[in-house]
N, C-alpha and C. Protein backbone atom coordinates (compact mmCIF):
# COMPACT_ATOMS: atom_id res chain seq x y z
N MET A 1 43.89 -16.31 -101.86
CA MET A 1 44.18 -16.24 -103.29
C MET A 1 45.00 -14.98 -103.61
N ARG A 2 44.64 -13.88 -102.96
CA ARG A 2 45.38 -12.64 -103.20
C ARG A 2 46.85 -12.80 -102.81
N PHE A 3 47.10 -13.61 -101.78
CA PHE A 3 48.49 -13.86 -101.37
C PHE A 3 49.28 -14.49 -102.52
N PHE A 4 48.67 -15.47 -103.20
CA PHE A 4 49.35 -16.12 -104.31
C PHE A 4 49.58 -15.17 -105.47
N LEU A 5 48.61 -14.32 -105.73
CA LEU A 5 48.78 -13.34 -106.81
C LEU A 5 49.91 -12.36 -106.47
N ARG A 6 49.96 -11.93 -105.22
CA ARG A 6 51.06 -11.04 -104.80
C ARG A 6 52.40 -11.76 -104.85
N ALA A 7 52.41 -13.05 -104.49
CA ALA A 7 53.64 -13.82 -104.54
C ALA A 7 54.14 -13.98 -105.98
N ILE A 8 53.22 -14.21 -106.92
CA ILE A 8 53.60 -14.32 -108.33
C ILE A 8 54.17 -12.99 -108.81
N ASP A 9 53.52 -11.89 -108.43
CA ASP A 9 54.03 -10.57 -108.81
C ASP A 9 55.40 -10.31 -108.20
N ALA A 10 55.58 -10.69 -106.96
CA ALA A 10 56.87 -10.47 -106.29
C ALA A 10 57.97 -11.31 -106.95
N ALA A 11 57.66 -12.56 -107.26
CA ALA A 11 58.65 -13.42 -107.93
C ALA A 11 58.97 -12.89 -109.32
N SER A 12 57.98 -12.39 -110.01
CA SER A 12 58.21 -11.80 -111.34
C SER A 12 59.09 -10.57 -111.24
N PHE A 13 58.84 -9.74 -110.23
CA PHE A 13 59.65 -8.54 -110.05
C PHE A 13 61.08 -8.90 -109.66
N LEU A 14 61.24 -9.91 -108.82
CA LEU A 14 62.58 -10.39 -108.45
C LEU A 14 63.33 -10.91 -109.68
N ALA A 15 62.63 -11.62 -110.55
CA ALA A 15 63.24 -12.11 -111.79
C ALA A 15 63.64 -10.94 -112.68
N LEU A 16 62.83 -9.89 -112.69
CA LEU A 16 63.16 -8.69 -113.46
C LEU A 16 64.43 -8.03 -112.92
N ILE A 17 64.56 -7.97 -111.61
CA ILE A 17 65.77 -7.41 -111.00
C ILE A 17 66.99 -8.26 -111.37
N CYS A 18 66.84 -9.58 -111.34
CA CYS A 18 67.94 -10.46 -111.76
C CYS A 18 68.30 -10.21 -113.22
N ALA A 19 67.30 -10.01 -114.07
CA ALA A 19 67.56 -9.71 -115.47
C ALA A 19 68.33 -8.41 -115.61
N GLY A 20 68.00 -7.42 -114.80
CA GLY A 20 68.73 -6.16 -114.82
C GLY A 20 70.18 -6.33 -114.40
N ILE A 21 70.40 -7.13 -113.38
CA ILE A 21 71.77 -7.40 -112.91
C ILE A 21 72.56 -8.12 -114.01
N ILE A 22 71.92 -9.06 -114.67
CA ILE A 22 72.59 -9.78 -115.76
C ILE A 22 72.90 -8.83 -116.91
N LEU A 23 72.02 -7.87 -117.16
CA LEU A 23 72.28 -6.87 -118.20
C LEU A 23 73.52 -6.03 -117.87
N VAL A 24 73.63 -5.63 -116.61
CA VAL A 24 74.81 -4.88 -116.18
C VAL A 24 76.07 -5.74 -116.35
N TYR A 25 75.96 -7.02 -115.97
CA TYR A 25 77.10 -7.94 -116.18
C TYR A 25 77.48 -8.00 -117.65
N ALA A 26 76.48 -8.16 -118.55
CA ALA A 26 76.76 -8.32 -119.97
C ALA A 26 77.47 -7.09 -120.53
N VAL A 27 77.00 -5.91 -120.17
CA VAL A 27 77.66 -4.69 -120.64
C VAL A 27 79.08 -4.62 -120.09
N SER A 28 79.26 -4.98 -118.84
CA SER A 28 80.60 -4.96 -118.23
C SER A 28 81.54 -5.94 -118.92
N HIS A 29 81.03 -7.12 -119.24
CA HIS A 29 81.86 -8.12 -119.91
C HIS A 29 82.27 -7.64 -121.30
N ILE A 30 81.33 -7.02 -122.01
CA ILE A 30 81.65 -6.49 -123.34
C ILE A 30 82.70 -5.39 -123.23
N LEU A 31 82.55 -4.51 -122.26
CA LEU A 31 83.55 -3.46 -122.07
C LEU A 31 84.92 -4.05 -121.71
N LEU A 32 84.93 -5.03 -120.82
CA LEU A 32 86.18 -5.70 -120.45
C LEU A 32 86.84 -6.33 -121.68
N GLU A 33 86.05 -7.01 -122.47
CA GLU A 33 86.57 -7.66 -123.67
C GLU A 33 87.14 -6.63 -124.65
N THR A 34 86.46 -5.50 -124.77
CA THR A 34 86.94 -4.44 -125.66
C THR A 34 88.30 -3.92 -125.20
N VAL A 35 88.42 -3.68 -123.90
CA VAL A 35 89.69 -3.19 -123.36
C VAL A 35 90.78 -4.25 -123.50
N LEU A 36 90.46 -5.49 -123.17
CA LEU A 36 91.46 -6.56 -123.28
C LEU A 36 91.97 -6.73 -124.71
N ARG A 37 91.05 -6.66 -125.67
CA ARG A 37 91.46 -6.86 -127.07
C ARG A 37 92.23 -5.66 -127.62
N SER A 38 91.78 -4.46 -127.29
CA SER A 38 92.40 -3.29 -127.90
C SER A 38 93.67 -2.84 -127.18
N VAL A 39 93.75 -3.02 -125.88
CA VAL A 39 94.90 -2.54 -125.12
C VAL A 39 95.92 -3.65 -124.85
N PHE A 40 95.43 -4.81 -124.47
CA PHE A 40 96.34 -5.88 -124.04
C PHE A 40 96.49 -7.01 -125.04
N ASP A 41 95.81 -6.92 -126.17
CA ASP A 41 95.90 -7.93 -127.23
C ASP A 41 95.63 -9.35 -126.72
N THR A 42 94.61 -9.47 -125.88
CA THR A 42 94.19 -10.77 -125.35
C THR A 42 92.67 -10.80 -125.28
N SER A 43 92.12 -11.87 -124.76
CA SER A 43 90.66 -12.02 -124.72
C SER A 43 90.26 -12.93 -123.57
N THR A 44 88.98 -12.85 -123.20
CA THR A 44 88.45 -13.78 -122.20
C THR A 44 88.10 -15.12 -122.86
N HIS A 45 87.96 -15.14 -124.18
CA HIS A 45 87.67 -16.33 -124.98
C HIS A 45 86.28 -16.92 -124.75
N VAL A 46 85.46 -16.25 -123.97
CA VAL A 46 84.12 -16.78 -123.71
C VAL A 46 83.03 -15.73 -123.92
N LEU A 47 83.39 -14.60 -124.51
CA LEU A 47 82.42 -13.51 -124.65
C LEU A 47 81.16 -13.94 -125.38
N ASP A 48 81.30 -14.53 -126.54
CA ASP A 48 80.12 -14.91 -127.34
C ASP A 48 79.19 -15.83 -126.56
N GLU A 49 79.75 -16.83 -125.94
CA GLU A 49 78.94 -17.79 -125.19
C GLU A 49 78.25 -17.14 -123.99
N PHE A 50 79.00 -16.40 -123.20
CA PHE A 50 78.43 -15.80 -122.00
C PHE A 50 77.40 -14.73 -122.32
N ILE A 51 77.63 -13.95 -123.36
CA ILE A 51 76.64 -12.94 -123.75
C ILE A 51 75.40 -13.62 -124.31
N GLY A 52 75.58 -14.71 -125.02
CA GLY A 52 74.43 -15.48 -125.48
C GLY A 52 73.59 -16.00 -124.32
N PHE A 53 74.25 -16.55 -123.30
CA PHE A 53 73.54 -17.00 -122.11
C PHE A 53 72.88 -15.81 -121.40
N ALA A 54 73.55 -14.67 -121.39
CA ALA A 54 73.00 -13.49 -120.72
C ALA A 54 71.74 -13.00 -121.43
N VAL A 55 71.78 -12.93 -122.76
CA VAL A 55 70.60 -12.49 -123.52
C VAL A 55 69.44 -13.46 -123.30
N LEU A 56 69.74 -14.74 -123.32
CA LEU A 56 68.72 -15.76 -123.05
C LEU A 56 68.11 -15.56 -121.67
N SER A 57 68.95 -15.35 -120.68
CA SER A 57 68.49 -15.17 -119.30
C SER A 57 67.67 -13.89 -119.16
N ILE A 58 68.16 -12.80 -119.72
CA ILE A 58 67.43 -11.53 -119.64
C ILE A 58 66.05 -11.67 -120.26
N THR A 59 65.99 -12.31 -121.41
CA THR A 59 64.72 -12.47 -122.10
C THR A 59 63.72 -13.25 -121.26
N PHE A 60 64.12 -14.43 -120.81
CA PHE A 60 63.17 -15.28 -120.10
C PHE A 60 62.83 -14.75 -118.70
N LEU A 61 63.80 -14.16 -118.02
CA LEU A 61 63.52 -13.65 -116.68
C LEU A 61 62.65 -12.39 -116.69
N SER A 62 62.64 -11.68 -117.79
CA SER A 62 61.84 -10.45 -117.82
C SER A 62 60.44 -10.65 -118.41
N LEU A 63 60.17 -11.80 -118.97
CA LEU A 63 58.87 -12.02 -119.63
C LEU A 63 57.68 -11.86 -118.69
N SER A 64 57.75 -12.45 -117.51
CA SER A 64 56.58 -12.44 -116.63
C SER A 64 56.24 -11.04 -116.14
N TRP A 65 57.25 -10.24 -115.79
CA TRP A 65 56.95 -8.88 -115.34
C TRP A 65 56.49 -8.02 -116.51
N THR A 66 57.06 -8.25 -117.68
CA THR A 66 56.64 -7.49 -118.86
C THR A 66 55.16 -7.73 -119.14
N LEU A 67 54.72 -8.97 -119.00
CA LEU A 67 53.30 -9.29 -119.17
C LEU A 67 52.47 -8.62 -118.09
N ARG A 68 52.91 -8.71 -116.85
CA ARG A 68 52.16 -8.11 -115.73
C ARG A 68 52.04 -6.60 -115.87
N ASP A 69 53.11 -5.98 -116.34
CA ASP A 69 53.15 -4.52 -116.48
C ASP A 69 52.37 -4.03 -117.69
N GLY A 70 51.99 -4.94 -118.58
CA GLY A 70 51.28 -4.55 -119.79
C GLY A 70 52.20 -4.00 -120.87
N SER A 71 53.48 -4.33 -120.79
CA SER A 71 54.46 -3.78 -121.72
C SER A 71 54.77 -4.69 -122.90
N MET A 72 54.14 -5.85 -122.97
CA MET A 72 54.39 -6.72 -124.11
C MET A 72 53.76 -6.12 -125.35
N ILE A 73 54.37 -6.39 -126.47
CA ILE A 73 53.84 -5.90 -127.74
C ILE A 73 52.54 -6.63 -128.02
N ARG A 74 51.52 -5.85 -128.35
CA ARG A 74 50.21 -6.43 -128.64
C ARG A 74 49.73 -5.93 -129.98
N VAL A 75 49.09 -6.79 -130.71
CA VAL A 75 48.45 -6.40 -131.96
C VAL A 75 46.96 -6.31 -131.67
N ASN A 76 46.46 -5.10 -131.62
CA ASN A 76 45.08 -4.87 -131.22
C ASN A 76 44.16 -4.59 -132.40
N LEU A 77 44.53 -5.06 -133.55
CA LEU A 77 43.76 -4.80 -134.76
C LEU A 77 42.30 -5.23 -134.60
N LEU A 78 42.09 -6.41 -134.04
CA LEU A 78 40.72 -6.92 -133.87
C LEU A 78 40.12 -6.55 -132.53
N THR A 79 40.91 -6.64 -131.48
CA THR A 79 40.35 -6.44 -130.13
C THR A 79 39.92 -5.00 -129.89
N ASP A 80 40.54 -4.03 -130.55
CA ASP A 80 40.12 -2.64 -130.37
C ASP A 80 38.72 -2.38 -130.90
N ARG A 81 38.25 -3.21 -131.79
CA ARG A 81 36.92 -3.04 -132.38
C ARG A 81 35.82 -3.72 -131.56
N LEU A 82 36.21 -4.47 -130.54
CA LEU A 82 35.24 -5.19 -129.71
C LEU A 82 34.76 -4.32 -128.56
N PRO A 83 33.55 -4.57 -128.07
CA PRO A 83 33.11 -3.88 -126.85
C PRO A 83 34.00 -4.26 -125.66
N ALA A 84 34.08 -3.39 -124.68
CA ALA A 84 35.00 -3.60 -123.55
C ALA A 84 34.77 -4.93 -122.84
N GLY A 85 33.53 -5.28 -122.58
CA GLY A 85 33.22 -6.53 -121.89
C GLY A 85 33.65 -7.74 -122.68
N THR A 86 33.37 -7.73 -123.97
CA THR A 86 33.75 -8.85 -124.84
C THR A 86 35.27 -8.96 -124.91
N ARG A 87 35.93 -7.81 -125.07
CA ARG A 87 37.40 -7.81 -125.13
C ARG A 87 37.99 -8.37 -123.85
N HIS A 88 37.42 -7.99 -122.71
CA HIS A 88 37.92 -8.45 -121.41
C HIS A 88 37.84 -9.98 -121.31
N TRP A 89 36.70 -10.55 -121.66
CA TRP A 89 36.52 -12.00 -121.55
C TRP A 89 37.33 -12.75 -122.60
N LEU A 90 37.50 -12.14 -123.77
CA LEU A 90 38.35 -12.74 -124.78
C LEU A 90 39.79 -12.82 -124.29
N GLU A 91 40.27 -11.78 -123.62
CA GLU A 91 41.62 -11.79 -123.06
C GLU A 91 41.78 -12.85 -121.98
N VAL A 92 40.74 -13.07 -121.20
CA VAL A 92 40.78 -14.13 -120.18
C VAL A 92 40.87 -15.50 -120.84
N ILE A 93 40.08 -15.71 -121.90
CA ILE A 93 40.10 -17.00 -122.60
C ILE A 93 41.46 -17.23 -123.26
N VAL A 94 42.01 -16.19 -123.88
CA VAL A 94 43.32 -16.31 -124.52
C VAL A 94 44.39 -16.59 -123.47
N ALA A 95 44.31 -15.92 -122.31
CA ALA A 95 45.27 -16.16 -121.24
C ALA A 95 45.17 -17.59 -120.72
N LEU A 96 43.96 -18.11 -120.65
CA LEU A 96 43.76 -19.50 -120.22
C LEU A 96 44.39 -20.48 -121.21
N CYS A 97 44.17 -20.24 -122.49
CA CYS A 97 44.78 -21.10 -123.52
C CYS A 97 46.30 -20.99 -123.48
N ALA A 98 46.81 -19.77 -123.34
CA ALA A 98 48.26 -19.56 -123.28
C ALA A 98 48.86 -20.22 -122.05
N THR A 99 48.12 -20.24 -120.94
CA THR A 99 48.59 -20.91 -119.74
C THR A 99 48.77 -22.40 -120.00
N GLY A 100 47.80 -23.01 -120.63
CA GLY A 100 47.89 -24.44 -120.95
C GLY A 100 49.03 -24.75 -121.90
N ILE A 101 49.16 -23.96 -122.95
CA ILE A 101 50.24 -24.17 -123.91
C ILE A 101 51.59 -23.94 -123.25
N GLY A 102 51.70 -22.89 -122.43
CA GLY A 102 52.94 -22.60 -121.73
C GLY A 102 53.33 -23.69 -120.75
N ALA A 103 52.32 -24.23 -120.03
CA ALA A 103 52.60 -25.31 -119.09
C ALA A 103 53.09 -26.55 -119.84
N PHE A 104 52.50 -26.82 -120.99
CA PHE A 104 52.94 -27.95 -121.82
C PHE A 104 54.39 -27.72 -122.27
N PHE A 105 54.71 -26.50 -122.68
CA PHE A 105 56.06 -26.15 -123.10
C PHE A 105 57.05 -26.32 -121.94
N CYS A 106 56.62 -25.99 -120.72
CA CYS A 106 57.49 -26.12 -119.55
C CYS A 106 57.89 -27.57 -119.29
N THR A 107 57.02 -28.51 -119.65
CA THR A 107 57.38 -29.92 -119.46
C THR A 107 58.58 -30.29 -120.32
N PHE A 108 58.65 -29.74 -121.53
CA PHE A 108 59.81 -30.00 -122.40
C PHE A 108 61.06 -29.33 -121.85
N LEU A 109 60.91 -28.14 -121.32
CA LEU A 109 62.05 -27.45 -120.71
C LEU A 109 62.57 -28.23 -119.51
N TRP A 110 61.66 -28.78 -118.72
CA TRP A 110 62.06 -29.58 -117.56
C TRP A 110 62.82 -30.83 -118.00
N ARG A 111 62.32 -31.49 -119.03
CA ARG A 111 63.00 -32.68 -119.54
C ARG A 111 64.41 -32.35 -120.03
N ASN A 112 64.54 -31.24 -120.73
CA ASN A 112 65.85 -30.82 -121.22
C ASN A 112 66.79 -30.52 -120.06
N PHE A 113 66.28 -29.84 -119.05
CA PHE A 113 67.07 -29.52 -117.85
C PHE A 113 67.55 -30.80 -117.17
N THR A 114 66.64 -31.74 -116.91
CA THR A 114 67.02 -32.96 -116.21
C THR A 114 67.97 -33.82 -117.04
N LYS A 115 67.76 -33.84 -118.36
CA LYS A 115 68.66 -34.60 -119.25
C LYS A 115 70.09 -34.05 -119.15
N ASN A 116 70.23 -32.73 -119.25
CA ASN A 116 71.57 -32.13 -119.18
C ASN A 116 72.17 -32.27 -117.78
N TRP A 117 71.34 -32.26 -116.76
CA TRP A 117 71.82 -32.44 -115.38
C TRP A 117 72.38 -33.86 -115.21
N LYS A 118 71.60 -34.86 -115.63
CA LYS A 118 72.00 -36.25 -115.46
C LYS A 118 73.24 -36.60 -116.28
N ARG A 119 73.30 -36.08 -117.49
CA ARG A 119 74.43 -36.38 -118.37
C ARG A 119 75.68 -35.57 -118.04
N GLY A 120 75.50 -34.49 -117.30
CA GLY A 120 76.63 -33.62 -117.01
C GLY A 120 77.11 -32.90 -118.25
N ALA A 121 76.17 -32.58 -119.15
CA ALA A 121 76.52 -31.93 -120.40
C ALA A 121 77.08 -30.53 -120.14
N VAL A 122 78.13 -30.21 -120.88
CA VAL A 122 78.76 -28.89 -120.77
C VAL A 122 78.86 -28.27 -122.15
N SER A 123 79.04 -26.95 -122.17
CA SER A 123 79.20 -26.25 -123.45
C SER A 123 80.54 -26.64 -124.09
N GLU A 124 80.65 -26.34 -125.36
CA GLU A 124 81.83 -26.76 -126.11
C GLU A 124 82.93 -25.70 -126.11
N SER A 125 82.84 -24.71 -125.25
CA SER A 125 83.88 -23.68 -125.19
C SER A 125 84.91 -24.05 -124.13
N VAL A 126 85.90 -23.18 -123.99
CA VAL A 126 86.93 -23.42 -122.97
C VAL A 126 86.35 -23.33 -121.56
N ALA A 127 85.26 -22.61 -121.40
CA ALA A 127 84.64 -22.45 -120.07
C ALA A 127 83.93 -23.72 -119.62
N GLU A 128 83.47 -24.54 -120.57
CA GLU A 128 82.72 -25.77 -120.27
C GLU A 128 81.63 -25.53 -119.23
N VAL A 129 80.75 -24.59 -119.55
CA VAL A 129 79.64 -24.24 -118.66
C VAL A 129 78.66 -25.41 -118.63
N PRO A 130 78.28 -25.88 -117.45
CA PRO A 130 77.26 -26.92 -117.37
C PRO A 130 75.95 -26.40 -118.00
N LEU A 131 75.41 -27.14 -118.96
CA LEU A 131 74.25 -26.67 -119.70
C LEU A 131 72.97 -26.65 -118.87
N TRP A 132 72.98 -27.29 -117.72
CA TRP A 132 71.79 -27.24 -116.88
C TRP A 132 71.59 -25.83 -116.30
N ILE A 133 72.64 -25.02 -116.24
CA ILE A 133 72.50 -23.67 -115.68
C ILE A 133 71.62 -22.78 -116.57
N PRO A 134 71.94 -22.63 -117.86
CA PRO A 134 71.01 -21.85 -118.69
C PRO A 134 69.65 -22.52 -118.83
N ASP A 135 69.62 -23.85 -118.83
CA ASP A 135 68.33 -24.55 -118.88
C ASP A 135 67.47 -24.21 -117.66
N ALA A 136 68.09 -24.13 -116.50
CA ALA A 136 67.35 -23.80 -115.28
C ALA A 136 66.79 -22.39 -115.34
N VAL A 137 67.58 -21.46 -115.85
CA VAL A 137 67.11 -20.07 -115.95
C VAL A 137 65.93 -19.98 -116.91
N VAL A 138 66.02 -20.65 -118.05
CA VAL A 138 64.92 -20.65 -119.01
C VAL A 138 63.68 -21.29 -118.40
N PHE A 139 63.86 -22.39 -117.69
CA PHE A 139 62.73 -23.08 -117.07
C PHE A 139 62.05 -22.19 -116.03
N VAL A 140 62.83 -21.54 -115.18
CA VAL A 140 62.27 -20.66 -114.15
C VAL A 140 61.52 -19.50 -114.81
N GLY A 141 62.13 -18.88 -115.82
CA GLY A 141 61.48 -17.77 -116.51
C GLY A 141 60.18 -18.18 -117.18
N ALA A 142 60.18 -19.35 -117.82
CA ALA A 142 58.97 -19.84 -118.48
C ALA A 142 57.89 -20.18 -117.47
N CYS A 143 58.27 -20.77 -116.34
CA CYS A 143 57.29 -21.09 -115.30
C CYS A 143 56.68 -19.81 -114.71
N LEU A 144 57.50 -18.80 -114.51
CA LEU A 144 56.97 -17.52 -114.01
C LEU A 144 56.00 -16.91 -115.01
N LEU A 145 56.31 -17.03 -116.30
CA LEU A 145 55.39 -16.53 -117.32
C LEU A 145 54.06 -17.28 -117.27
N VAL A 146 54.12 -18.59 -117.12
CA VAL A 146 52.89 -19.39 -117.04
C VAL A 146 52.09 -19.00 -115.79
N LEU A 147 52.77 -18.80 -114.67
CA LEU A 147 52.07 -18.37 -113.45
C LEU A 147 51.43 -16.99 -113.64
N GLN A 148 52.13 -16.09 -114.33
CA GLN A 148 51.58 -14.76 -114.57
C GLN A 148 50.37 -14.84 -115.51
N LEU A 149 50.45 -15.73 -116.51
CA LEU A 149 49.29 -15.95 -117.38
C LEU A 149 48.11 -16.50 -116.58
N ALA A 150 48.39 -17.44 -115.69
CA ALA A 150 47.32 -18.00 -114.86
C ALA A 150 46.72 -16.93 -113.96
N SER A 151 47.55 -16.03 -113.47
CA SER A 151 47.02 -14.95 -112.63
C SER A 151 46.14 -14.01 -113.44
N MET A 152 46.43 -13.86 -114.74
CA MET A 152 45.57 -13.04 -115.60
C MET A 152 44.19 -13.67 -115.75
N VAL A 153 44.13 -14.98 -115.65
CA VAL A 153 42.84 -15.67 -115.72
C VAL A 153 42.07 -15.47 -114.42
N VAL A 154 42.77 -15.52 -113.30
CA VAL A 154 42.13 -15.49 -111.98
C VAL A 154 41.78 -14.07 -111.53
N ARG A 155 42.62 -13.10 -111.84
CA ARG A 155 42.43 -11.72 -111.35
C ARG A 155 41.04 -11.14 -111.58
N PRO A 156 40.45 -11.29 -112.76
CA PRO A 156 39.10 -10.71 -112.94
C PRO A 156 38.07 -11.27 -111.97
N PHE A 157 38.20 -12.55 -111.63
CA PHE A 157 37.25 -13.15 -110.70
C PHE A 157 37.47 -12.66 -109.28
N ILE A 158 38.72 -12.41 -108.92
CA ILE A 158 39.04 -11.85 -107.60
C ILE A 158 38.45 -10.45 -107.51
N GLU A 159 38.60 -9.65 -108.58
CA GLU A 159 38.07 -8.29 -108.59
C GLU A 159 36.56 -8.28 -108.51
N ILE A 160 35.90 -9.25 -109.19
CA ILE A 160 34.44 -9.33 -109.17
C ILE A 160 33.96 -9.66 -107.75
N THR A 161 34.59 -10.64 -107.10
CA THR A 161 34.17 -11.01 -105.75
C THR A 161 34.48 -9.91 -104.75
N GLN A 162 35.51 -9.11 -105.00
CA GLN A 162 35.85 -8.01 -104.11
C GLN A 162 34.76 -6.94 -104.16
N GLU A 163 34.15 -6.72 -105.33
CA GLU A 163 33.11 -5.70 -105.48
C GLU A 163 31.83 -6.10 -104.75
N ASP A 164 31.57 -7.41 -104.63
CA ASP A 164 30.32 -7.89 -103.99
C ASP A 164 30.29 -7.63 -102.52
């Protein structure tokens, strides 16, 4: 079981690295576009679309590691007032519910991905980007988030059995 938890963490970290690379690409594309427009009076004509895809990719690819790292924004108005044990089990229950909801959401993402793949749908810009590409990135990111949520449910039990 620990192997699977480490594998989920490794995949989440790899997705985070990919998100970082995409961020570097996005900044580079914006700088290129700025130079092209101001110096050469031309454009790549795809900046808006590609940066939109980049922001989407960065967001979804970084979600699972952000959750694992404890860096997601949390509203602790109620949970801070609970005893530590109660808060811990409440977080496990919430993670279990979020895992189910997230897995259900992933089924819709999968359907959208396969629909765009089968139809050969492309974006409406001059680049005509196949829409299954951003769909695949969103699907992978969402699945990693669901796996990370599931690991939040399992980890306390692994820690308890390790102490025995």
